[in-house]
Amino acid sequence: QVQLLESGGGLVQPGGSLRLSCAASGRIFSTDGMGWYRQAPGKQRELVAVITSGGSTNYADSVKGRFTISRDNAKNALYLQMNSLKPEDTAVYYCKLRWFWGQGTQVTVSS
C-alpha cells in the first residue's frame, strides 16, 4: 500500500553535488520515519541517513558533514542532498519507509 519513487541519480564528478528525491504515496503514518540506504557493487546494503517525522536525523559516519537528509511532510517527499561527493559514494541509493523500499537510483561519482 506504500509506493516509493526515487529520482535524481546520475553521473557526477568528484567534489560535485546531487540531490536525490523520493516521492511516497499510499498509507503514510504521522509517526513514520524514512531513510536512505545504498549498496555498492559487491558490498552489503548500508544505512546512509534516517529522519523521523519530527525531523530528527542520524547519519553514517562516512557521510556526516557532506550529506543532508530532509523531508517535506506535506508532500510526503524525502530528499538527500549530497555534497562533496567521492568515488566511494558510488552506489545504488534506496529510499525506505517502514519495510517498503524504492526501486533505487544509481549514483556514480567518477572523473
Protein backbone atom coordinates (compact mmCIF):
# COMPACT_ATOMS: atom_id res chain seq x y z
CA GLN A 1 0.00 0.00 0.00
CA VAL A 2 3.08 2.21 0.04
CA GLN A 3 4.92 3.12 -3.13
CA LEU A 4 8.25 4.90 -3.25
CA LEU A 5 9.56 6.53 -6.40
CA GLU A 6 13.13 7.76 -6.46
CA SER A 7 14.84 10.17 -8.79
CA GLY A 8 17.88 12.41 -9.05
CA GLY A 9 20.68 9.92 -9.52
CA GLY A 10 23.25 10.24 -12.23
CA LEU A 11 26.90 10.74 -13.07
CA VAL A 12 28.82 13.44 -11.25
CA GLN A 13 32.47 14.35 -10.88
CA PRO A 14 34.28 14.08 -7.54
CA GLY A 15 33.53 17.11 -5.43
CA GLY A 16 30.21 17.66 -7.14
CA SER A 17 26.69 17.53 -5.78
CA LEU A 18 23.47 15.67 -6.37
CA ARG A 19 20.03 15.88 -4.82
CA LEU A 20 18.03 12.68 -4.58
CA SER A 21 14.28 12.72 -4.19
CA CYS A 22 11.82 10.09 -3.05
CA ALA A 23 8.10 10.54 -3.52
CA ALA A 24 5.98 8.41 -1.22
CA SER A 25 2.36 7.52 -1.79
CA GLY A 26 -0.12 5.33 0.00
CA ARG A 27 -0.61 4.85 3.71
CA ILE A 28 1.89 7.17 5.33
CA PHE A 29 1.55 7.46 9.08
CA SER A 30 2.41 10.56 11.04
CA THR A 31 4.98 8.65 13.08
CA ASP A 32 6.77 7.10 10.12
CA GLY A 33 10.46 7.69 9.79
CA MET A 34 12.21 7.43 6.46
CA GLY A 35 15.72 6.66 5.39
CA TRP A 36 18.23 6.38 2.61
CA TYR A 37 20.33 3.28 2.08
CA ARG A 38 22.94 2.49 -0.51
CA GLN A 39 24.56 -0.58 -1.96
CA ALA A 40 27.83 -0.57 -3.84
CA PRO A 41 28.85 -3.43 -6.13
CA GLY A 42 29.94 -6.45 -4.12
CA LYS A 43 29.02 -4.85 -0.81
CA GLN A 44 26.20 -5.13 1.68
CA ARG A 45 23.43 -2.57 1.66
CA GLU A 46 24.11 0.04 4.31
CA LEU A 47 22.27 2.81 6.06
CA VAL A 48 23.14 6.31 4.88
CA ALA A 49 20.76 8.54 6.80
CA VAL A 50 17.42 8.45 8.58
CA ILE A 51 14.94 11.12 9.56
CA THR A 52 11.96 10.90 11.87
CA SER A 53 8.60 12.51 11.31
CA GLY A 54 9.71 15.23 13.71
CA GLY A 55 12.88 15.96 11.80
CA SER A 56 15.48 14.23 13.96
CA THR A 57 18.32 12.87 11.84
CA ASN A 58 21.14 10.36 12.02
CA TYR A 59 23.93 9.79 9.52
CA ALA A 60 26.50 7.18 8.75
CA ASP A 61 29.95 8.35 9.77
CA SER A 62 31.10 8.17 6.17
CA VAL A 63 28.68 10.88 5.04
CA LYS A 64 28.49 13.19 8.04
CA GLY A 65 29.17 16.77 7.10
CA ARG A 66 28.59 16.07 3.40
CA PHE A 67 25.04 14.71 3.13
CA THR A 68 21.81 16.21 4.42
CA ILE A 69 18.56 14.30 4.71
CA SER A 70 15.29 16.22 4.79
CA ARG A 71 11.60 15.69 4.25
CA ASP A 72 8.53 17.60 3.24
CA ASN A 73 5.70 16.06 5.20
CA ALA A 74 3.04 17.92 3.23
CA LYS A 75 4.33 16.33 0.03
CA ASN A 76 5.36 13.00 1.57
CA ALA A 77 8.72 13.55 -0.03
CA LEU A 78 12.18 12.59 1.14
CA TYR A 79 15.39 14.21 -0.03
CA LEU A 80 19.09 13.58 0.21
CA GLN A 81 21.39 16.47 -0.61
CA MET A 82 24.82 15.09 -1.38
CA ASN A 83 27.77 17.46 -1.49
CA SER A 84 31.50 16.93 -1.84
CA LEU A 85 30.87 13.59 -3.47
CA LYS A 86 33.60 11.00 -3.53
CA PRO A 87 34.11 7.97 -5.77
CA GLU A 88 33.37 5.76 -2.76
CA ASP A 89 29.85 7.20 -2.72
CA THR A 90 29.13 5.35 -5.95
CA ALA A 91 26.21 3.02 -5.29
CA VAL A 92 22.56 2.41 -5.88
CA TYR A 93 20.64 4.55 -3.42
CA TYR A 94 17.36 3.31 -2.00
CA CYS A 95 14.56 5.09 -0.20
CA LYS A 96 12.93 3.20 2.67
CA LEU A 97 9.76 3.73 4.64
CA ARG A 98 8.99 1.14 7.29
CA TRP A 99 9.59 -2.16 5.40
CA PHE A 100 8.93 -0.67 1.98
CA TRP A 101 11.70 0.07 -0.47
CA GLY A 102 12.00 2.20 -3.55
CA GLN A 103 13.42 0.85 -6.79
CA GLY A 104 16.78 2.53 -6.29
CA THR A 105 18.60 5.19 -8.24
CA GLN A 106 22.17 4.93 -9.47
CA VAL A 107 24.75 7.44 -8.29
CA THR A 108 28.12 7.32 -9.99
CA VAL A 109 30.96 9.57 -8.90
CA SER A 110 33.77 9.50 -11.42
CA SER A 111 36.07 11.79 -13.32
